[in-house]
Amino acid sequence: MSTNNSSEVSKLTKWFWYTVIIGLIPILLRLFSSLVIDGVAVVKAADFIAVGFVLHISIFNELEHMSGDQTWKTVSNVGRYVPLSFMVVSCSFCWLRSLATIKLMSIL
């Protein structure tokens, strides 16, 4: 029984390091850049959207490797594309907005 518990701790630890920490890299880099370089925004929406992408992909991967009821798995596979689509659209708008800001700054 202790082997199963240590396996779960190991799996949770791996998920934390590979998903949460890697997902936070854009935010951490932006924070560091804002301390070192003048004019860099401390917080941008695109960084948080990137964290959401990483978390959703992690969840999709876990769902693909689950065993059990195939009906629930199919329903969850279909339902997961709605938030992912919302994040893709949100990230696209953020990216286009940043491009427009860069072009406006280069004109001035």
Protein backbone atom coordinates (compact mmCIF):
# COMPACT_ATOMS: atom_id res chain seq x y z
CA MET A 1 0.00 0.00 0.00
CA SER A 2 2.89 2.39 0.71
CA THR A 3 4.25 1.70 -2.79
CA ASN A 4 1.01 2.94 -4.36
CA ASN A 5 1.09 6.04 -2.15
CA SER A 6 4.69 6.86 -3.10
CA SER A 7 3.76 6.28 -6.76
CA GLU A 8 0.95 8.84 -6.45
CA VAL A 9 3.29 11.33 -4.76
CA SER A 10 5.84 10.79 -7.49
CA LYS A 11 3.18 11.30 -10.18
CA LEU A 12 1.94 14.49 -8.48
CA THR A 13 5.50 15.77 -8.11
CA LYS A 14 6.24 15.10 -11.78
CA TRP A 15 3.02 16.85 -12.81
CA PHE A 16 3.89 19.84 -10.64
CA TRP A 17 7.40 20.22 -12.03
CA TYR A 18 6.63 19.45 -15.66
CA THR A 19 3.37 21.35 -15.90
CA VAL A 20 3.09 24.13 -13.36
CA ILE A 21 6.71 25.23 -13.24
CA ILE A 22 7.21 24.96 -17.01
CA GLY A 23 3.90 26.77 -17.54
CA LEU A 24 5.02 29.63 -15.31
CA ILE A 25 8.26 30.22 -17.23
CA PRO A 26 6.77 33.01 -19.44
CA ILE A 27 5.49 34.87 -16.37
CA LEU A 28 8.76 34.45 -14.49
CA LEU A 29 10.79 35.61 -17.51
CA ARG A 30 8.59 38.66 -17.92
CA LEU A 31 8.97 39.51 -14.22
CA PHE A 32 12.75 39.17 -14.50
CA SER A 33 12.81 41.21 -17.72
CA SER A 34 10.76 43.98 -16.14
CA LEU A 35 13.33 44.24 -13.35
CA VAL A 36 16.28 44.36 -15.74
CA ILE A 37 14.92 46.22 -18.79
CA ASP A 38 12.99 49.50 -18.64
CA GLY A 39 9.70 49.60 -20.50
CA VAL A 40 8.83 45.89 -20.23
CA ALA A 41 5.36 45.33 -18.80
CA VAL A 42 5.25 43.30 -15.61
CA VAL A 43 2.06 41.43 -16.52
CA LYS A 44 0.61 40.54 -19.92
CA ALA A 45 -2.52 38.53 -20.62
CA ALA A 46 -0.73 36.32 -23.15
CA ASP A 47 1.51 34.91 -20.40
CA PHE A 48 -1.47 33.71 -18.40
CA ILE A 49 -3.08 32.30 -21.52
CA ALA A 50 0.13 30.33 -22.16
CA VAL A 51 -0.12 28.87 -18.64
CA GLY A 52 -3.70 27.87 -19.45
CA PHE A 53 -2.54 26.14 -22.63
CA VAL A 54 0.04 24.15 -20.71
CA LEU A 55 -2.48 23.13 -18.03
CA HIS A 56 -5.12 22.12 -20.58
CA ILE A 57 -2.65 20.06 -22.60
CA SER A 58 -1.58 18.33 -19.38
CA ILE A 59 -5.18 17.50 -18.55
CA PHE A 60 -5.81 16.23 -22.10
CA ASN A 61 -2.80 13.96 -21.78
CA GLU A 62 -4.10 12.55 -18.47
CA LEU A 63 -7.56 11.95 -19.97
CA GLU A 64 -6.07 10.06 -22.89
CA HIS A 65 -4.28 7.67 -20.55
CA MET A 66 -7.20 7.02 -18.20
CA SER A 67 -8.80 3.64 -18.13
CA GLY A 68 -12.45 3.16 -17.45
CA ASP A 69 -15.72 4.22 -19.01
CA GLN A 70 -15.16 4.99 -22.71
CA THR A 71 -18.43 6.96 -22.96
CA TRP A 72 -17.27 9.45 -20.34
CA LYS A 73 -13.89 9.67 -22.05
CA THR A 74 -15.54 10.47 -25.40
CA VAL A 75 -17.78 13.14 -23.87
CA SER A 76 -14.83 14.73 -22.08
CA ASN A 77 -12.77 14.69 -25.28
CA VAL A 78 -15.51 16.60 -27.10
CA GLY A 79 -16.11 19.00 -24.19
CA ARG A 80 -12.48 19.95 -23.80
CA TYR A 81 -12.29 21.68 -27.15
CA VAL A 82 -14.62 24.51 -26.09
CA PRO A 83 -12.25 26.06 -23.51
CA LEU A 84 -9.27 25.34 -25.73
CA SER A 85 -10.95 27.16 -28.62
CA PHE A 86 -11.69 30.10 -26.32
CA MET A 87 -8.05 30.25 -25.28
CA VAL A 88 -6.83 30.10 -28.89
CA VAL A 89 -9.10 32.99 -29.83
CA SER A 90 -8.07 34.97 -26.73
CA CYS A 91 -4.39 34.40 -27.41
CA SER A 92 -4.85 35.43 -31.05
CA PHE A 93 -6.54 38.68 -30.02
CA CYS A 94 -3.75 39.41 -27.51
CA TRP A 95 -1.12 38.71 -30.13
CA LEU A 96 -2.83 40.91 -32.74
CA ARG A 97 -3.23 43.68 -30.19
CA SER A 98 0.47 43.54 -29.32
CA LEU A 99 1.34 43.68 -33.03
CA ALA A 100 -0.84 46.75 -33.47
CA THR A 101 0.87 48.38 -30.47
CA ILE A 102 4.33 47.62 -31.89
CA LYS A 103 3.38 49.04 -35.30
CA LEU A 104 1.93 52.16 -33.65
CA MET A 105 5.09 52.64 -31.60
CA SER A 106 7.31 52.25 -34.68
CA ILE A 107 5.27 54.91 -36.53
CA LEU A 108 5.71 57.40 -33.69
